PDB file of N, CA and C in Angstrom:
ATOM      1  N   MET A   1      -4.315   5.848 -12.030  1.00  0.00           N
ATOM      2  CA  MET A   1      -3.008   6.443 -12.110  1.00  0.00           C
ATOM      3  C   MET A   1      -2.830   6.990 -13.522  1.00  0.00           C
ATOM      4  N   SER A   2      -2.426   8.232 -13.588  1.00  0.00           N
ATOM      5  CA  SER A   2      -2.200   8.870 -14.883  1.00  0.00           C
ATOM      6  C   SER A   2      -0.711   8.929 -15.174  1.00  0.00           C
ATOM      7  N   VAL A   3      -0.376   8.861 -16.454  1.00  0.00           N
ATOM      8  CA  VAL A   3       1.001   9.017 -16.910  1.00  0.00           C
ATOM      9  C   VAL A   3       1.008  10.202 -17.863  1.00  0.00           C
ATOM     10  N   VAL A   4       1.940  11.127 -17.630  1.00  0.00           N
ATOM     11  CA  VAL A   4       1.956  12.355 -18.414  1.00  0.00           C
ATOM     12  C   VAL A   4       3.399  12.730 -18.755  1.00  0.00           C
ATOM     13  N   LYS A   5       3.581  13.293 -19.953  1.00  0.00           N
ATOM     14  CA  LYS A   5       4.898  13.796 -20.351  1.00  0.00           C
ATOM     15  C   LYS A   5       5.130  15.156 -19.697  1.00  0.00           C
ATOM     16  N   VAL A   6       6.388  15.513 -19.542  1.00  0.00           N
ATOM     17  CA  VAL A   6       6.741  16.775 -18.889  1.00  0.00           C
ATOM     18  C   VAL A   6       6.111  17.958 -19.604  1.00  0.00           C
ATOM     19  N   SER A   7       6.149  17.964 -20.928  1.00  0.00           N
ATOM     20  CA  SER A   7       5.595  19.092 -21.684  1.00  0.00           C
ATOM     21  C   SER A   7       4.092  19.225 -21.445  1.00  0.00           C
ATOM     22  N   GLU A   8       3.382  18.078 -21.419  1.00  0.00           N
ATOM     23  CA  GLU A   8       1.935  18.107 -21.172  1.00  0.00           C
ATOM     24  C   GLU A   8       1.648  18.573 -19.746  1.00  0.00           C
ATOM     25  N   LEU A   9       2.481  18.142 -18.796  1.00  0.00           N
ATOM     26  CA  LEU A   9       2.305  18.559 -17.405  1.00  0.00           C
ATOM     27  C   LEU A   9       2.470  20.070 -17.275  1.00  0.00           C
ATOM     28  N   LYS A  10       3.484  20.616 -17.955  1.00  0.00           N
ATOM     29  CA  LYS A  10       3.696  22.067 -17.905  1.00  0.00           C
ATOM     30  C   LYS A  10       2.506  22.818 -18.502  1.00  0.00           C
ATOM     31  N   ASN A  11       1.935  22.300 -19.592  1.00  0.00           N
ATOM     32  CA  ASN A  11       0.821  22.974 -20.254  1.00  0.00           C
ATOM     33  C   ASN A  11      -0.485  22.855 -19.480  1.00  0.00           C
ATOM     34  N   SER A  12      -0.659  21.773 -18.737  1.00  0.00           N
ATOM     35  CA  SER A  12      -1.935  21.529 -18.043  1.00  0.00           C
ATOM     36  C   SER A  12      -1.716  21.239 -16.566  1.00  0.00           C
ATOM     37  N   LEU A  13      -0.845  21.981 -15.927  1.00  0.00           N
ATOM     38  CA  LEU A  13      -0.501  21.730 -14.536  1.00  0.00           C
ATOM     39  C   LEU A  13      -1.721  21.774 -13.624  1.00  0.00           C
ATOM     40  N   SER A  14      -2.596  22.732 -13.815  1.00  0.00           N
ATOM     41  CA  SER A  14      -3.788  22.857 -12.963  1.00  0.00           C
ATOM     42  C   SER A  14      -4.659  21.607 -13.044  1.00  0.00           C
ATOM     43  N   HIS A  15      -4.828  21.067 -14.229  1.00  0.00           N
ATOM     44  CA  HIS A  15      -5.634  19.860 -14.418  1.00  0.00           C
ATOM     45  C   HIS A  15      -5.048  18.700 -13.624  1.00  0.00           C
ATOM     46  N   TYR A  16      -3.740  18.492 -13.732  1.00  0.00           N
ATOM     47  CA  TYR A  16      -3.117  17.364 -13.052  1.00  0.00           C
ATOM     48  C   TYR A  16      -3.070  17.569 -11.537  1.00  0.00           C
ATOM     49  N   LEU A  17      -2.940  18.796 -11.108  1.00  0.00           N
ATOM     50  CA  LEU A  17      -2.998  19.062  -9.668  1.00  0.00           C
ATOM     51  C   LEU A  17      -4.400  18.787  -9.112  1.00  0.00           C
ATOM     52  N   ARG A  18      -5.441  19.046  -9.903  1.00  0.00           N
ATOM     53  CA  ARG A  18      -6.798  18.700  -9.469  1.00  0.00           C
ATOM     54  C   ARG A  18      -6.951  17.188  -9.326  1.00  0.00           C
ATOM     55  N   LEU A  19      -6.351  16.424 -10.270  1.00  0.00           N
ATOM     56  CA  LEU A  19      -6.393  14.968 -10.170  1.00  0.00           C
ATOM     57  C   LEU A  19      -5.705  14.487  -8.890  1.00  0.00           C
ATOM     58  N   VAL A  20      -4.561  15.074  -8.598  1.00  0.00           N
ATOM     59  CA  VAL A  20      -3.822  14.702  -7.388  1.00  0.00           C
ATOM     60  C   VAL A  20      -4.621  15.077  -6.147  1.00  0.00           C
ATOM     61  N   LYS A  21      -5.258  16.222  -6.179  1.00  0.00           N
ATOM     62  CA  LYS A  21      -6.066  16.666  -5.037  1.00  0.00           C
ATOM     63  C   LYS A  21      -7.216  15.695  -4.777  1.00  0.00           C
ATOM     64  N   ARG A  22      -7.751  15.068  -5.835  1.00  0.00           N
ATOM     65  CA  ARG A  22      -8.835  14.090  -5.683  1.00  0.00           C
ATOM     66  C   ARG A  22      -8.321  12.722  -5.226  1.00  0.00           C
ATOM     67  N   GLY A  23      -6.994  12.580  -5.110  1.00  0.00           N
ATOM     68  CA  GLY A  23      -6.439  11.333  -4.604  1.00  0.00           C
ATOM     69  C   GLY A  23      -5.727  10.478  -5.630  1.00  0.00           C
ATOM     70  N   GLU A  24      -5.655  10.925  -6.856  1.00  0.00           N
ATOM     71  CA  GLU A  24      -5.015  10.139  -7.906  1.00  0.00           C
ATOM     72  C   GLU A  24      -3.515  10.405  -7.920  1.00  0.00           C
ATOM     73  N   THR A  25      -2.746   9.421  -8.337  1.00  0.00           N
ATOM     74  CA  THR A  25      -1.305   9.573  -8.486  1.00  0.00           C
ATOM     75  C   THR A  25      -0.994   9.825  -9.953  1.00  0.00           C
ATOM     76  N   VAL A  26      -0.079  10.752 -10.215  1.00  0.00           N
ATOM     77  CA  VAL A  26       0.310  11.098 -11.580  1.00  0.00           C
ATOM     78  C   VAL A  26       1.797  10.800 -11.737  1.00  0.00           C
ATOM     79  N   LEU A  27       2.128   9.968 -12.728  1.00  0.00           N
ATOM     80  CA  LEU A  27       3.526   9.679 -13.038  1.00  0.00           C
ATOM     81  C   LEU A  27       3.983  10.610 -14.149  1.00  0.00           C
ATOM     82  N   VAL A  28       5.158  11.225 -13.963  1.00  0.00           N
ATOM     83  CA  VAL A  28       5.703  12.171 -14.932  1.00  0.00           C
ATOM     84  C   VAL A  28       6.823  11.479 -15.693  1.00  0.00           C
ATOM     85  N   CYS A  29       6.739  11.514 -17.037  1.00  0.00           N
ATOM     86  CA  CYS A  29       7.721  10.834 -17.880  1.00  0.00           C
ATOM     87  C   CYS A  29       8.516  11.835 -18.710  1.00  0.00           C
ATOM     88  N   ALA A  30       9.796  11.516 -18.897  1.00  0.00           N
ATOM     89  CA  ALA A  30      10.655  12.249 -19.815  1.00  0.00           C
ATOM     90  C   ALA A  30      11.332  11.211 -20.690  1.00  0.00           C
ATOM     91  N   ARG A  31      11.113  11.314 -21.984  1.00  0.00           N
ATOM     92  CA  ARG A  31      11.675  10.357 -22.941  1.00  0.00           C
ATOM     93  C   ARG A  31      11.287   8.926 -22.581  1.00  0.00           C
ATOM     94  N   ASP A  32      10.017   8.733 -22.322  1.00  0.00           N
ATOM     95  CA  ASP A  32       9.425   7.419 -22.018  1.00  0.00           C
ATOM     96  C   ASP A  32      10.010   6.744 -20.782  1.00  0.00           C
ATOM     97  N   LYS A  33      10.521   7.541 -19.851  1.00  0.00           N
ATOM     98  CA  LYS A  33      11.039   7.013 -18.592  1.00  0.00           C
ATOM     99  C   LYS A  33      10.412   7.812 -17.449  1.00  0.00           C
ATOM    100  N   VAL A  34       9.874   7.110 -16.453  1.00  0.00           N
ATOM    101  CA  VAL A  34       9.248   7.791 -15.326  1.00  0.00           C
ATOM    102  C   VAL A  34      10.335   8.477 -14.503  1.00  0.00           C
ATOM    103  N   ILE A  35      10.149   9.783 -14.284  1.00  0.00           N
ATOM    104  CA  ILE A  35      11.137  10.542 -13.524  1.00  0.00           C
ATOM    105  C   ILE A  35      10.585  11.098 -12.221  1.00  0.00           C
ATOM    106  N   ALA A  36       9.257  11.127 -12.082  1.00  0.00           N
ATOM    107  CA  ALA A  36       8.665  11.686 -10.864  1.00  0.00           C
ATOM    108  C   ALA A  36       7.273  11.125 -10.667  1.00  0.00           C
ATOM    109  N   ARG A  37       6.822  11.242  -9.429  1.00  0.00           N
ATOM    110  CA  ARG A  37       5.463  10.810  -9.081  1.00  0.00           C
ATOM    111  C   ARG A  37       4.828  11.928  -8.265  1.00  0.00           C
ATOM    112  N   LEU A  38       3.653  12.348  -8.685  1.00  0.00           N
ATOM    113  CA  LEU A  38       2.882  13.329  -7.933  1.00  0.00           C
ATOM    114  C   LEU A  38       1.768  12.580  -7.225  1.00  0.00           C
ATOM    115  N   SER A  39       1.745  12.676  -5.901  1.00  0.00           N
ATOM    116  CA  SER A  39       0.696  12.002  -5.140  1.00  0.00           C
ATOM    117  C   SER A  39       0.229  12.937  -4.034  1.00  0.00           C
ATOM    118  N   PRO A  40      -0.987  12.745  -3.547  1.00  0.00           N
ATOM    119  CA  PRO A  40      -1.531  13.633  -2.531  1.00  0.00           C
ATOM    120  C   PRO A  40      -0.671  13.633  -1.271  1.00  0.00           C
ATOM    121  N   ALA A  41      -0.510  14.805  -0.696  1.00  0.00           N
ATOM    122  CA  ALA A  41       0.280  14.932   0.527  1.00  0.00           C
ATOM    123  C   ALA A  41      -0.511  14.448   1.725  1.00  0.00           C
ATOM    124  N   GLY A  42      -1.824  14.496   1.638  1.00  0.00           N
ATOM    125  CA  GLY A  42      -2.654  14.072   2.757  1.00  0.00           C
ATOM    126  C   GLY A  42      -2.680  15.140   3.839  1.00  0.00           C
ATOM    127  N   ASP A  43      -3.415  14.843   4.892  1.00  0.00           N
ATOM    128  CA  ASP A  43      -3.491  15.791   6.006  1.00  0.00           C
ATOM    129  C   ASP A  43      -2.903  15.118   7.237  1.00  0.00           C
ATOM    130  N   LEU A  44      -1.582  14.956   7.209  1.00  0.00           N
ATOM    131  CA  LEU A  44      -0.895  14.299   8.309  1.00  0.00           C
ATOM    132  C   LEU A  44      -0.907  15.198   9.545  1.00  0.00           C
ATOM    133  N   THR A  45      -1.220  14.604  10.662  1.00  0.00           N
ATOM    134  CA  THR A  45      -1.178  15.344  11.916  1.00  0.00           C
ATOM    135  C   THR A  45       0.034  14.901  12.706  1.00  0.00           C
ATOM    136  N   ALA A  46       0.419  15.679  13.687  1.00  0.00           N
ATOM    137  CA  ALA A  46       1.595  15.375  14.488  1.00  0.00           C
ATOM    138  C   ALA A  46       1.399  14.119  15.325  1.00  0.00           C
ATOM    139  N   SER A  47       0.167  13.747  15.600  1.00  0.00           N
ATOM    140  CA  SER A  47      -0.096  12.595  16.454  1.00  0.00           C
ATOM    141  C   SER A  47      -0.018  11.266  15.718  1.00  0.00           C
ATOM    142  N   GLU A  48       0.089  11.307  14.393  1.00  0.00           N
ATOM    143  CA  GLU A  48       0.154  10.071  13.623  1.00  0.00           C
ATOM    144  C   GLU A  48       1.493   9.375  13.852  1.00  0.00           C
ATOM    145  N   THR A  49       1.454   8.061  13.963  1.00  0.00           N
ATOM    146  CA  THR A  49       2.686   7.300  14.128  1.00  0.00           C
ATOM    147  C   THR A  49       3.253   6.966  12.764  1.00  0.00           C
ATOM    148  N   ASN A  50       4.493   6.501  12.749  1.00  0.00           N
ATOM    149  CA  ASN A  50       5.105   6.093  11.487  1.00  0.00           C
ATOM    150  C   ASN A  50       4.351   4.934  10.869  1.00  0.00           C
ATOM    151  N   ASP A  51       3.864   3.996  11.708  1.00  0.00           N
ATOM    152  CA  ASP A  51       3.119   2.858  11.186  1.00  0.00           C
ATOM    153  C   ASP A  51       1.830   3.290  10.510  1.00  0.00           C
ATOM    154  N   SER A  52       1.124   4.226  11.106  1.00  0.00           N
ATOM    155  CA  SER A  52      -0.137   4.646  10.500  1.00  0.00           C
ATOM    156  C   SER A  52       0.112   5.388   9.185  1.00  0.00           C
ATOM    157  N   ARG A  53       1.188   6.155   9.107  1.00  0.00           N
ATOM    158  CA  ARG A  53       1.533   6.820   7.847  1.00  0.00           C
ATOM    159  C   ARG A  53       1.907   5.793   6.783  1.00  0.00           C
ATOM    160  N   TRP A  54       2.669   4.773   7.214  1.00  0.00           N
ATOM    161  CA  TRP A  54       3.091   3.726   6.302  1.00  0.00           C
ATOM    162  C   TRP A  54       1.881   2.958   5.771  1.00  0.00           C
ATOM    163  N   LEU A  55       0.949   2.595   6.666  1.00  0.00           N
ATOM    164  CA  LEU A  55      -0.261   1.892   6.246  1.00  0.00           C
ATOM    165  C   LEU A  55      -1.129   2.765   5.336  1.00  0.00           C
ATOM    166  N   ALA A  56      -1.229   4.046   5.661  1.00  0.00           N
ATOM    167  CA  ALA A  56      -2.011   4.958   4.825  1.00  0.00           C
ATOM    168  C   ALA A  56      -1.402   5.062   3.432  1.00  0.00           C
ATOM    169  N   ASP A  57      -0.074   5.074   3.350  1.00  0.00           N
ATOM    170  CA  ASP A  57       0.596   5.137   2.056  1.00  0.00           C
ATOM    171  C   ASP A  57       0.333   3.862   1.255  1.00  0.00           C
ATOM    172  N   LEU A  58       0.415   2.701   1.915  1.00  0.00           N
ATOM    173  CA  LEU A  58       0.132   1.443   1.223  1.00  0.00           C
ATOM    174  C   LEU A  58      -1.315   1.386   0.741  1.00  0.00           C
ATOM    175  N   GLU A  59      -2.219   1.880   1.571  1.00  0.00           N
ATOM    176  CA  GLU A  59      -3.636   1.889   1.194  1.00  0.00           C
ATOM    177  C   GLU A  59      -3.879   2.818   0.014  1.00  0.00           C
ATOM    178  N   GLN A  60      -3.218   3.962   0.033  1.00  0.00           N
ATOM    179  CA  GLN A  60      -3.381   4.932  -1.048  1.00  0.00           C
ATOM    180  C   GLN A  60      -2.884   4.373  -2.378  1.00  0.00           C
ATOM    181  N   HIS A  61      -1.840   3.554  -2.341  1.00  0.00           N
ATOM    182  CA  HIS A  61      -1.296   2.984  -3.566  1.00  0.00           C
ATOM    183  C   HIS A  61      -1.965   1.669  -3.950  1.00  0.00           C
ATOM    184  N   GLY A  62      -3.009   1.293  -3.227  1.00  0.00           N
ATOM    185  CA  GLY A  62      -3.778   0.112  -3.589  1.00  0.00           C
ATOM    186  C   GLY A  62      -3.147  -1.207  -3.200  1.00  0.00           C
ATOM    187  N   VAL A  63      -2.119  -1.176  -2.339  1.00  0.00           N
ATOM    188  CA  VAL A  63      -1.457  -2.410  -1.931  1.00  0.00           C
ATOM    189  C   VAL A  63      -2.308  -3.162  -0.921  1.00  0.00           C
ATOM    190  N   LEU A  64      -3.003  -2.439  -0.066  1.00  0.00           N
ATOM    191  CA  LEU A  64      -3.858  -3.074   0.924  1.00  0.00           C
ATOM    192  C   LEU A  64      -5.116  -2.257   1.135  1.00  0.00           C
ATOM    193  N   HIS A  65      -6.105  -2.901   1.716  1.00  0.00           N
ATOM    194  CA  HIS A  65      -7.354  -2.236   2.072  1.00  0.00           C
ATOM    195  C   HIS A  65      -7.645  -2.578   3.522  1.00  0.00           C
ATOM    196  N   ARG A  66      -7.682  -1.559   4.365  1.00  0.00           N
ATOM    197  CA  ARG A  66      -7.962  -1.793   5.777  1.00  0.00           C
ATOM    198  C   ARG A  66      -9.463  -1.946   5.975  1.00  0.00           C
ATOM    199  N   PRO A  67      -9.865  -2.827   6.909  1.00  0.00           N
ATOM    200  CA  PRO A  67     -11.297  -2.989   7.174  1.00  0.00           C
ATOM    201  C   PRO A  67     -11.841  -1.741   7.868  1.00  0.00           C
ATOM    202  N   PRO A  68     -13.105  -1.430   7.661  1.00  0.00           N
ATOM    203  CA  PRO A  68     -13.675  -0.241   8.284  1.00  0.00           C
ATOM    204  C   PRO A  68     -13.798  -0.374   9.809  1.00  0.00           C
ATOM    205  N   ASP A  69     -13.986  -1.584  10.306  1.00  0.00           N
ATOM    206  CA  ASP A  69     -14.143  -1.815  11.736  1.00  0.00           C
ATOM    207  C   ASP A  69     -13.203  -2.928  12.172  1.00  0.00           C
ATOM    208  N   LYS A  70     -13.137  -3.129  13.481  1.00  0.00           N
ATOM    209  CA  LYS A  70     -12.346  -4.240  13.998  1.00  0.00           C
ATOM    210  C   LYS A  70     -13.073  -5.548  13.694  1.00  0.00           C
ATOM    211  N   LEU A  71     -12.296  -6.620  13.576  1.00  0.00           N
ATOM    212  CA  LEU A  71     -12.890  -7.930  13.327  1.00  0.00           C
ATOM    213  C   LEU A  71     -13.640  -8.399  14.564  1.00  0.00           C
ATOM    214  N   PRO A  72     -14.775  -9.036  14.392  1.00  0.00           N
ATOM    215  CA  PRO A  72     -15.522  -9.536  15.555  1.00  0.00           C
ATOM    216  C   PRO A  72     -14.765 -10.691  16.219  1.00  0.00           C
ATOM    217  N   ARG A  73     -14.997 -10.873  17.520  1.00  0.00           N
ATOM    218  CA  ARG A  73     -14.326 -11.956  18.259  1.00  0.00           C
ATOM    219  C   ARG A  73     -14.675 -13.320  17.683  1.00  0.00           C
ATOM    220  N   ALA A  74     -15.856 -13.487  17.160  1.00  0.00           N
ATOM    221  CA  ALA A  74     -16.287 -14.767  16.610  1.00  0.00           C
ATOM    222  C   ALA A  74     -15.460 -15.157  15.385  1.00  0.00           C
ATOM    223  N   PHE A  75     -14.793 -14.195  14.755  1.00  0.00           N
ATOM    224  CA  PHE A  75     -13.996 -14.475  13.569  1.00  0.00           C
ATOM    225  C   PHE A  75     -12.885 -15.475  13.880  1.00  0.00           C
ATOM    226  N   GLN A  76     -12.179 -15.278  14.998  1.00  0.00           N
ATOM    227  CA  GLN A  76     -11.098 -16.186  15.344  1.00  0.00           C
ATOM    228  C   GLN A  76     -11.607 -17.526  15.845  1.00  0.00           C
ATOM    229  N   ALA A  77     -12.802 -17.583  16.369  1.00  0.00           N
ATOM    230  CA  ALA A  77     -13.360 -18.841  16.861  1.00  0.00           C
ATOM    231  C   ALA A  77     -13.589 -19.824  15.713  1.00  0.00           C
ATOM    232  N   HIS A  78     -13.750 -19.317  14.494  1.00  0.00           N
ATOM    233  CA  HIS A  78     -14.049 -20.174  13.345  1.00  0.00           C
ATOM    234  C   HIS A  78     -12.823 -20.474  12.491  1.00  0.00           C
ATOM    235  N   ARG A  79     -11.617 -20.201  13.013  1.00  0.00           N
ATOM    236  CA  ARG A  79     -10.430 -20.490  12.208  1.00  0.00           C
ATOM    237  C   ARG A  79     -10.212 -22.003  12.127  1.00  0.00           C
ATOM    238  N   PRO A  80      -9.642 -22.460  11.038  1.00  0.00           N
ATOM    239  CA  PRO A  80      -9.460 -23.908  10.872  1.00  0.00           C
ATOM    240  C   PRO A  80      -8.444 -24.456  11.873  1.00  0.00           C
ATOM    241  N   LYS A  81      -8.693 -25.665  12.331  1.00  0.00           N
ATOM    242  CA  LYS A  81      -7.796 -26.339  13.263  1.00  0.00           C
ATOM    243  C   LYS A  81      -6.771 -27.129  12.454  1.00  0.00           C
ATOM    244  N   ALA A  82      -5.498 -26.957  12.773  1.00  0.00           N
ATOM    245  CA  ALA A  82      -4.444 -27.707  12.101  1.00  0.00           C
ATOM    246  C   ALA A  82      -4.276 -29.059  12.792  1.00  0.00           C
ATOM    247  N   LYS A  83      -4.196 -30.114  12.008  1.00  0.00           N
ATOM    248  CA  LYS A  83      -4.070 -31.453  12.569  1.00  0.00           C
ATOM    249  C   LYS A  83      -2.618 -31.846  12.754  1.00  0.00           C
ATOM    250  N   SER A  84      -1.692 -31.032  12.255  1.00  0.00           N
ATOM    251  CA  SER A  84      -0.280 -31.368  12.402  1.00  0.00           C
ATOM    252  C   SER A  84       0.469 -30.190  13.022  1.00  0.00           C
ATOM    253  N   ASP A  85       1.590 -30.504  13.629  1.00  0.00           N
ATOM    254  CA  ASP A  85       2.419 -29.485  14.258  1.00  0.00           C
ATOM    255  C   ASP A  85       3.532 -29.112  13.274  1.00  0.00           C
ATOM    256  N   VAL A  86       3.423 -27.972  12.668  1.00  0.00           N
ATOM    257  CA  VAL A  86       4.357 -27.549  11.637  1.00  0.00           C
ATOM    258  C   VAL A  86       5.749 -27.356  12.218  1.00  0.00           C
ATOM    259  N   VAL A  87       5.837 -26.775  13.398  1.00  0.00           N
ATOM    260  CA  VAL A  87       7.143 -26.539  14.019  1.00  0.00           C
ATOM    261  C   VAL A  87       7.834 -27.866  14.318  1.00  0.00           C
ATOM    262  N   ALA A  88       7.083 -28.821  14.850  1.00  0.00           N
ATOM    263  CA  ALA A  88       7.663 -30.134  15.140  1.00  0.00           C
ATOM    264  C   ALA A  88       8.150 -30.801  13.855  1.00  0.00           C
ATOM    265  N   ALA A  89       7.404 -30.698  12.789  1.00  0.00           N
ATOM    266  CA  ALA A  89       7.813 -31.282  11.511  1.00  0.00           C
ATOM    267  C   ALA A  89       9.081 -30.618  10.989  1.00  0.00           C
ATOM    268  N   LEU A  90       9.186 -29.309  11.127  1.00  0.00           N
ATOM    269  CA  LEU A  90      10.376 -28.591  10.690  1.00  0.00           C
ATOM    270  C   LEU A  90      11.597 -29.017  11.499  1.00  0.00           C
ATOM    271  N   LEU A  91      11.444 -29.106  12.833  1.00  0.00           N
ATOM    272  CA  LEU A  91      12.556 -29.525  13.682  1.00  0.00           C
ATOM    273  C   LEU A  91      12.980 -30.958  13.371  1.00  0.00           C
ATOM    274  N   LYS A  92      12.032 -31.826  13.120  1.00  0.00           N
ATOM    275  CA  LYS A  92      12.321 -33.226  12.783  1.00  0.00           C
ATOM    276  C   LYS A  92      13.138 -33.280  11.473  1.00  0.00           C
ATOM    277  N   GLU A  93      12.727 -32.454  10.495  1.00  0.00           N
ATOM    278  CA  GLU A  93      13.427 -32.410   9.219  1.00  0.00           C
ATOM    279  C   GLU A  93      14.847 -31.901   9.395  1.00  0.00           C
ATOM    280  N   ARG A  94      15.038 -30.895  10.233  1.00  0.00           N
ATOM    281  CA  ARG A  94      16.371 -30.335  10.474  1.00  0.00           C
ATOM    282  C   ARG A  94      17.278 -31.361  11.158  1.00  0.00           C
ATOM    283  N   HIS A  95      16.719 -32.109  12.111  1.00  0.00           N
ATOM    284  CA  HIS A  95      17.517 -33.089  12.836  1.00  0.00           C
ATOM    285  C   HIS A  95      17.855 -34.292  11.959  1.00  0.00           C
ATOM    286  N   SER A  96      17.042 -34.572  10.961  1.00  0.00           N
ATOM    287  CA  SER A  96      17.319 -35.723  10.103  1.00  0.00           C
ATOM    288  C   SER A  96      18.392 -35.402   9.066  1.00  0.00           C
ATOM    289  N   GLY A  97      18.753 -34.129   8.960  1.00  0.00           N
ATOM    290  CA  GLY A  97      19.852 -33.738   8.069  1.00  0.00           C
ATOM    291  C   GLY A  97      19.451 -33.471   6.636  1.00  0.00           C
ATOM    292  N   ARG A  98      18.213 -33.267   6.352  1.00  0.00           N
ATOM    293  CA  ARG A  98      17.779 -32.957   4.983  1.00  0.00           C
ATOM    294  C   ARG A  98      18.143 -31.577   4.577  1.00  0.00           C
TER     295      ARG A  98
END
């Protein structure tokens, strides 16, 4: 992520647009305060759902990374077994008045 002053952005707009085209986000500052964000528009199609756009935005900003493939069925077979019932413990606590 790049941070640039307005004057520098005006002088080197082509450079910063190339950075955005490559997928980088550019923050624009005026008097040491961020006033704008330049980020790639992407190639959204009409068939994309709101969820897929939302996930793509989160992925682009580095909040999450989606796996390249679906998880194998064996993945859930190896999940840890809980020895206690969390819901029952919560209900017991609520009924005891804590």
